[in-house]
Amino acid sequence: MIAVRILIDVLVVIGLYFALAGTLGILKMPDTMCRMQASTCIPTLGVLCVAIGGILYAACFLHSADNAVKIAVVALMILFTNPIGSHVIAKGAYKADRRGEKKIRLNPDDYGRDFNE
């Protein structure tokens, strides 16, 4: 049980590290697309690490399968909704021309066909 507890602690610390890295990425990145990358991909990995740690804790120490299933459902919802939200934010930023100081040279087929440009 000590090894499981150490694994849980390591997963939570890794998750906290990724959450902190994502937060710092939002503050330090130069343009919208980079900030979007930092605000979706990195914290998703952090939340998944914390969720796996929570599932292990609920299953091993609390002996509660109900709580483990709830944590797994929340983790799956985050895993599925973050890419969708990221895509919508990217399309909105492109359409509003919020690409930052440097103009991103996208191939017209990337988003232009969606906006009839």
N, C-alpha and C. Protein backbone atom coordinates (compact mmCIF):
# COMPACT_ATOMS: atom_id res chain seq x y z
N MET A 1 0.81 -1.20 0.00
CA MET A 1 0.00 0.00 0.00
C MET A 1 0.86 1.27 0.00
N ILE A 2 2.07 1.15 0.51
CA ILE A 2 2.97 2.31 0.51
C ILE A 2 3.32 2.68 -0.92
N ALA A 3 3.56 1.69 -1.77
CA ALA A 3 3.93 1.96 -3.17
C ALA A 3 2.77 2.64 -3.90
N VAL A 4 1.56 2.22 -3.61
CA VAL A 4 0.39 2.84 -4.24
C VAL A 4 0.25 4.28 -3.79
N ARG A 5 0.48 4.53 -2.52
CA ARG A 5 0.39 5.89 -1.99
C ARG A 5 1.46 6.79 -2.60
N ILE A 6 2.64 6.26 -2.79
CA ILE A 6 3.71 7.04 -3.44
C ILE A 6 3.34 7.33 -4.89
N LEU A 7 2.78 6.35 -5.59
CA LEU A 7 2.34 6.55 -6.97
C LEU A 7 1.25 7.63 -7.04
N ILE A 8 0.31 7.60 -6.12
CA ILE A 8 -0.75 8.61 -6.09
C ILE A 8 -0.15 9.99 -5.87
N ASP A 9 0.77 10.10 -4.93
CA ASP A 9 1.40 11.39 -4.66
C ASP A 9 2.20 11.90 -5.87
N VAL A 10 2.90 11.00 -6.54
CA VAL A 10 3.67 11.39 -7.72
C VAL A 10 2.74 11.87 -8.83
N LEU A 11 1.63 11.18 -9.05
CA LEU A 11 0.67 11.59 -10.08
C LEU A 11 0.08 12.97 -9.78
N VAL A 12 -0.25 13.21 -8.52
CA VAL A 12 -0.81 14.51 -8.15
C VAL A 12 0.24 15.61 -8.33
N VAL A 13 1.47 15.36 -7.96
CA VAL A 13 2.53 16.37 -8.14
C VAL A 13 2.77 16.63 -9.63
N ILE A 14 2.77 15.59 -10.45
CA ILE A 14 2.91 15.78 -11.90
C ILE A 14 1.75 16.60 -12.45
N GLY A 15 0.54 16.31 -11.99
CA GLY A 15 -0.63 17.08 -12.41
C GLY A 15 -0.54 18.54 -12.01
N LEU A 16 -0.07 18.79 -10.79
CA LEU A 16 0.10 20.17 -10.35
C LEU A 16 1.17 20.89 -11.16
N TYR A 17 2.23 20.18 -11.51
CA TYR A 17 3.28 20.78 -12.33
C TYR A 17 2.73 21.20 -13.69
N PHE A 18 1.95 20.33 -14.33
CA PHE A 18 1.39 20.67 -15.63
C PHE A 18 0.38 21.81 -15.53
N ALA A 19 -0.39 21.85 -14.47
CA ALA A 19 -1.33 22.96 -14.28
C ALA A 19 -0.57 24.28 -14.12
N LEU A 20 0.51 24.26 -13.36
CA LEU A 20 1.32 25.45 -13.20
C LEU A 20 1.99 25.86 -14.52
N ALA A 21 2.48 24.88 -15.26
CA ALA A 21 3.11 25.18 -16.55
C ALA A 21 2.10 25.78 -17.52
N GLY A 22 0.87 25.27 -17.51
CA GLY A 22 -0.17 25.84 -18.37
C GLY A 22 -0.51 27.26 -17.99
N THR A 23 -0.57 27.54 -16.69
CA THR A 23 -0.86 28.89 -16.23
C THR A 23 0.26 29.86 -16.62
N LEU A 24 1.49 29.44 -16.42
CA LEU A 24 2.61 30.29 -16.83
C LEU A 24 2.66 30.46 -18.35
N GLY A 25 2.26 29.42 -19.08
CA GLY A 25 2.22 29.52 -20.53
C GLY A 25 1.22 30.55 -21.02
N ILE A 26 0.07 30.64 -20.34
CA ILE A 26 -0.92 31.65 -20.71
C ILE A 26 -0.35 33.05 -20.51
N LEU A 27 0.41 33.23 -19.45
CA LEU A 27 0.97 34.55 -19.16
C LEU A 27 2.14 34.91 -20.07
N LYS A 28 2.93 33.93 -20.50
CA LYS A 28 4.17 34.21 -21.21
C LYS A 28 4.08 34.09 -22.73
N MET A 29 3.08 33.41 -23.25
CA MET A 29 3.02 33.21 -24.70
C MET A 29 2.68 34.50 -25.43
N PRO A 30 3.23 34.69 -26.64
CA PRO A 30 3.09 35.98 -27.31
C PRO A 30 1.77 36.21 -28.04
N ASP A 31 1.12 35.16 -28.53
CA ASP A 31 -0.09 35.39 -29.32
C ASP A 31 -1.21 34.44 -28.90
N THR A 32 -2.36 34.63 -29.52
CA THR A 32 -3.56 33.90 -29.13
C THR A 32 -3.44 32.40 -29.37
N MET A 33 -2.89 32.03 -30.49
CA MET A 33 -2.79 30.61 -30.80
C MET A 33 -1.87 29.87 -29.82
N CYS A 34 -0.78 30.50 -29.45
CA CYS A 34 0.13 29.88 -28.47
C CYS A 34 -0.51 29.82 -27.10
N ARG A 35 -1.23 30.87 -26.71
CA ARG A 35 -1.93 30.86 -25.43
C ARG A 35 -3.00 29.78 -25.39
N MET A 36 -3.66 29.60 -26.52
CA MET A 36 -4.68 28.56 -26.59
C MET A 36 -4.06 27.18 -26.41
N GLN A 37 -2.91 26.98 -26.99
CA GLN A 37 -2.20 25.71 -26.82
C GLN A 37 -1.84 25.49 -25.36
N ALA A 38 -1.34 26.53 -24.72
CA ALA A 38 -0.94 26.41 -23.32
C ALA A 38 -2.14 26.23 -22.40
N SER A 39 -3.28 26.77 -22.78
CA SER A 39 -4.44 26.72 -21.89
C SER A 39 -5.29 25.47 -22.08
N THR A 40 -5.04 24.69 -23.09
CA THR A 40 -5.87 23.49 -23.29
C THR A 40 -5.08 22.19 -23.16
N CYS A 41 -4.01 22.07 -23.89
CA CYS A 41 -3.30 20.79 -23.93
C CYS A 41 -2.57 20.45 -22.64
N ILE A 42 -1.84 21.41 -22.10
CA ILE A 42 -1.04 21.13 -20.92
C ILE A 42 -1.92 20.87 -19.69
N PRO A 43 -2.92 21.70 -19.39
CA PRO A 43 -3.76 21.38 -18.23
C PRO A 43 -4.59 20.11 -18.40
N THR A 44 -4.90 19.73 -19.63
CA THR A 44 -5.61 18.47 -19.83
C THR A 44 -4.77 17.31 -19.32
N LEU A 45 -3.51 17.31 -19.65
CA LEU A 45 -2.62 16.26 -19.15
C LEU A 45 -2.51 16.32 -17.64
N GLY A 46 -2.46 17.53 -17.08
CA GLY A 46 -2.40 17.67 -15.63
C GLY A 46 -3.64 17.15 -14.94
N VAL A 47 -4.81 17.46 -15.50
CA VAL A 47 -6.06 16.99 -14.91
C VAL A 47 -6.15 15.47 -15.00
N LEU A 48 -5.68 14.91 -16.10
CA LEU A 48 -5.72 13.45 -16.23
C LEU A 48 -4.80 12.77 -15.22
N CYS A 49 -3.65 13.34 -14.96
CA CYS A 49 -2.75 12.77 -13.95
C CYS A 49 -3.39 12.83 -12.56
N VAL A 50 -3.98 13.97 -12.23
CA VAL A 50 -4.65 14.11 -10.93
C VAL A 50 -5.84 13.17 -10.86
N ALA A 51 -6.58 13.01 -11.94
CA ALA A 51 -7.73 12.12 -11.95
C ALA A 51 -7.32 10.66 -11.76
N ILE A 52 -6.24 10.26 -12.40
CA ILE A 52 -5.76 8.89 -12.21
C ILE A 52 -5.34 8.68 -10.76
N GLY A 53 -4.68 9.68 -10.18
CA GLY A 53 -4.34 9.60 -8.77
C GLY A 53 -5.57 9.52 -7.88
N GLY A 54 -6.59 10.30 -8.22
CA GLY A 54 -7.84 10.26 -7.46
C GLY A 54 -8.57 8.93 -7.59
N ILE A 55 -8.54 8.35 -8.78
CA ILE A 55 -9.17 7.04 -8.98
C ILE A 55 -8.46 5.98 -8.15
N LEU A 56 -7.14 6.03 -8.17
CA LEU A 56 -6.38 5.06 -7.36
C LEU A 56 -6.65 5.26 -5.86
N TYR A 57 -6.71 6.51 -5.43
CA TYR A 57 -6.98 6.77 -4.02
C TYR A 57 -8.37 6.29 -3.62
N ALA A 58 -9.36 6.57 -4.46
CA ALA A 58 -10.73 6.15 -4.14
C ALA A 58 -10.86 4.64 -4.14
N ALA A 59 -10.17 3.99 -5.06
CA ALA A 59 -10.30 2.54 -5.15
C ALA A 59 -9.50 1.82 -4.06
N CYS A 60 -8.31 2.32 -3.74
CA CYS A 60 -7.43 1.59 -2.80
C CYS A 60 -7.65 1.98 -1.34
N PHE A 61 -7.86 3.25 -1.07
CA PHE A 61 -7.92 3.69 0.32
C PHE A 61 -9.34 3.93 0.81
N LEU A 62 -10.20 4.44 -0.04
CA LEU A 62 -11.58 4.68 0.37
C LEU A 62 -12.47 3.46 0.12
N HIS A 63 -11.99 2.55 -0.71
CA HIS A 63 -12.76 1.36 -1.11
C HIS A 63 -14.14 1.76 -1.64
N SER A 64 -14.13 2.77 -2.47
CA SER A 64 -15.37 3.31 -3.00
C SER A 64 -15.29 3.29 -4.53
N ALA A 65 -15.95 2.33 -5.11
CA ALA A 65 -15.99 2.25 -6.57
C ALA A 65 -16.84 3.37 -7.15
N ASP A 66 -17.83 3.83 -6.40
CA ASP A 66 -18.69 4.92 -6.89
C ASP A 66 -17.88 6.19 -7.13
N ASN A 67 -17.05 6.55 -6.16
CA ASN A 67 -16.24 7.76 -6.32
C ASN A 67 -15.22 7.60 -7.44
N ALA A 68 -14.65 6.42 -7.59
CA ALA A 68 -13.69 6.19 -8.67
C ALA A 68 -14.36 6.34 -10.03
N VAL A 69 -15.57 5.84 -10.16
CA VAL A 69 -16.30 5.96 -11.43
C VAL A 69 -16.64 7.43 -11.71
N LYS A 70 -17.04 8.18 -10.68
CA LYS A 70 -17.35 9.60 -10.87
C LYS A 70 -16.12 10.37 -11.33
N ILE A 71 -14.98 10.09 -10.73
CA ILE A 71 -13.75 10.77 -11.13
C ILE A 71 -13.38 10.39 -12.56
N ALA A 72 -13.57 9.14 -12.93
CA ALA A 72 -13.27 8.70 -14.30
C ALA A 72 -14.19 9.39 -15.32
N VAL A 73 -15.45 9.55 -14.98
CA VAL A 73 -16.39 10.23 -15.89
C VAL A 73 -15.99 11.69 -16.07
N VAL A 74 -15.63 12.36 -14.98
CA VAL A 74 -15.19 13.75 -15.08
C VAL A 74 -13.93 13.85 -15.94
N ALA A 75 -12.98 12.94 -15.75
CA ALA A 75 -11.75 12.95 -16.55
C ALA A 75 -12.05 12.72 -18.03
N LEU A 76 -12.96 11.82 -18.33
CA LEU A 76 -13.33 11.58 -19.73
C LEU A 76 -14.02 12.79 -20.35
N MET A 77 -14.86 13.45 -19.56
CA MET A 77 -15.53 14.65 -20.08
C MET A 77 -14.50 15.75 -20.40
N ILE A 78 -13.52 15.93 -19.53
CA ILE A 78 -12.48 16.92 -19.78
C ILE A 78 -11.65 16.51 -21.00
N LEU A 79 -11.36 15.23 -21.12
CA LEU A 79 -10.57 14.75 -22.25
C LEU A 79 -11.29 14.97 -23.57
N PHE A 80 -12.62 14.86 -23.59
CA PHE A 80 -13.37 15.03 -24.83
C PHE A 80 -13.74 16.48 -25.11
N THR A 81 -13.96 17.30 -24.08
CA THR A 81 -14.43 18.65 -24.34
C THR A 81 -13.30 19.66 -24.57
N ASN A 82 -12.12 19.44 -24.02
CA ASN A 82 -11.03 20.39 -24.23
C ASN A 82 -10.61 20.53 -25.69
N PRO A 83 -10.47 19.47 -26.47
CA PRO A 83 -10.12 19.67 -27.89
C PRO A 83 -11.21 20.40 -28.67
N ILE A 84 -12.47 20.15 -28.32
CA ILE A 84 -13.57 20.84 -29.00
C ILE A 84 -13.54 22.33 -28.68
N GLY A 85 -13.36 22.64 -27.41
CA GLY A 85 -13.26 24.04 -27.01
C GLY A 85 -12.07 24.73 -27.63
N SER A 86 -10.96 24.04 -27.71
CA SER A 86 -9.76 24.59 -28.32
C SER A 86 -10.00 24.89 -29.80
N HIS A 87 -10.67 24.01 -30.49
CA HIS A 87 -10.96 24.23 -31.91
C HIS A 87 -11.87 25.44 -32.10
N VAL A 88 -12.89 25.57 -31.26
CA VAL A 88 -13.81 26.70 -31.37
C VAL A 88 -13.09 28.02 -31.07
N ILE A 89 -12.24 28.02 -30.08
CA ILE A 89 -11.48 29.23 -29.77
C ILE A 89 -10.55 29.60 -30.93
N ALA A 90 -9.93 28.61 -31.54
CA ALA A 90 -9.03 28.88 -32.67
C ALA A 90 -9.80 29.46 -33.85
N LYS A 91 -10.95 28.91 -34.15
CA LYS A 91 -11.74 29.45 -35.26
C LYS A 91 -12.24 30.85 -34.96
N GLY A 92 -12.64 31.09 -33.71
CA GLY A 92 -13.08 32.42 -33.33
C GLY A 92 -11.95 33.44 -33.40
N ALA A 93 -10.77 33.06 -32.96
CA ALA A 93 -9.62 33.96 -33.02
C ALA A 93 -9.23 34.24 -34.46
N TYR A 94 -9.31 33.24 -35.30
CA TYR A 94 -8.98 33.44 -36.72
C TYR A 94 -9.99 34.37 -37.38
N LYS A 95 -11.27 34.14 -37.09
CA LYS A 95 -12.31 34.94 -37.71
C LYS A 95 -12.27 36.39 -37.22
N ALA A 96 -11.95 36.60 -35.95
CA ALA A 96 -11.87 37.95 -35.40
C ALA A 96 -10.52 38.61 -35.68
N ASP A 97 -9.64 37.89 -36.36
CA ASP A 97 -8.30 38.37 -36.69
C ASP A 97 -7.52 38.76 -35.44
N ARG A 98 -7.60 37.92 -34.42
CA ARG A 98 -6.87 38.11 -33.17
C ARG A 98 -5.65 37.20 -33.16
N ARG A 99 -4.82 37.34 -34.15
CA ARG A 99 -3.68 36.45 -34.27
C ARG A 99 -2.41 37.00 -33.65
N GLY A 100 -2.47 38.20 -33.11
CA GLY A 100 -1.32 38.74 -32.42
C GLY A 100 -0.45 39.62 -33.30
N GLU A 101 0.72 39.93 -32.79
CA GLU A 101 1.66 40.80 -33.49
C GLU A 101 2.11 40.19 -34.81
N LYS A 102 2.56 38.96 -34.75
CA LYS A 102 3.02 38.28 -35.95
C LYS A 102 1.82 37.70 -36.67
N LYS A 103 1.72 38.01 -37.92
CA LYS A 103 0.64 37.44 -38.71
C LYS A 103 0.97 35.99 -39.03
N ILE A 104 0.06 35.12 -38.70
CA ILE A 104 0.27 33.71 -38.97
C ILE A 104 -0.07 33.45 -40.43
N ARG A 105 0.84 32.85 -41.13
CA ARG A 105 0.61 32.54 -42.54
C ARG A 105 0.00 31.16 -42.64
N LEU A 106 -1.32 31.12 -42.63
CA LEU A 106 -2.01 29.84 -42.76
C LEU A 106 -2.29 29.59 -44.23
N ASN A 107 -2.29 28.35 -44.59
CA ASN A 107 -2.71 27.97 -45.92
C ASN A 107 -4.19 28.34 -46.05
N PRO A 108 -4.62 28.95 -47.15
CA PRO A 108 -6.04 29.33 -47.27
C PRO A 108 -6.99 28.16 -47.10
N ASP A 109 -6.51 26.96 -47.35
CA ASP A 109 -7.39 25.81 -47.18
C ASP A 109 -7.60 25.44 -45.72
N ASP A 110 -6.78 25.98 -44.81
CA ASP A 110 -6.91 25.61 -43.41
C ASP A 110 -8.23 26.10 -42.82
N TYR A 111 -8.45 27.41 -42.83
CA TYR A 111 -9.69 27.95 -42.29
C TYR A 111 -10.46 28.79 -43.29
N GLY A 112 -9.81 29.25 -44.34
CA GLY A 112 -10.45 30.13 -45.29
C GLY A 112 -11.68 29.52 -45.94
N ARG A 113 -11.64 28.25 -46.20
CA ARG A 113 -12.80 27.61 -46.86
C ARG A 113 -14.01 27.58 -45.94
N ASP A 114 -13.77 27.59 -44.62
CA ASP A 114 -14.89 27.59 -43.69
C ASP A 114 -15.59 28.94 -43.62
N PHE A 115 -14.85 30.00 -43.95
CA PHE A 115 -15.41 31.35 -43.86
C PHE A 115 -15.62 31.99 -45.21
N ASN A 116 -15.50 31.21 -46.28
CA ASN A 116 -15.68 31.69 -47.65
C ASN A 116 -14.77 32.87 -47.95
N GLU A 117 -13.52 32.76 -47.56
CA GLU A 117 -12.56 33.84 -47.84
C GLU A 117 -11.77 33.53 -49.08
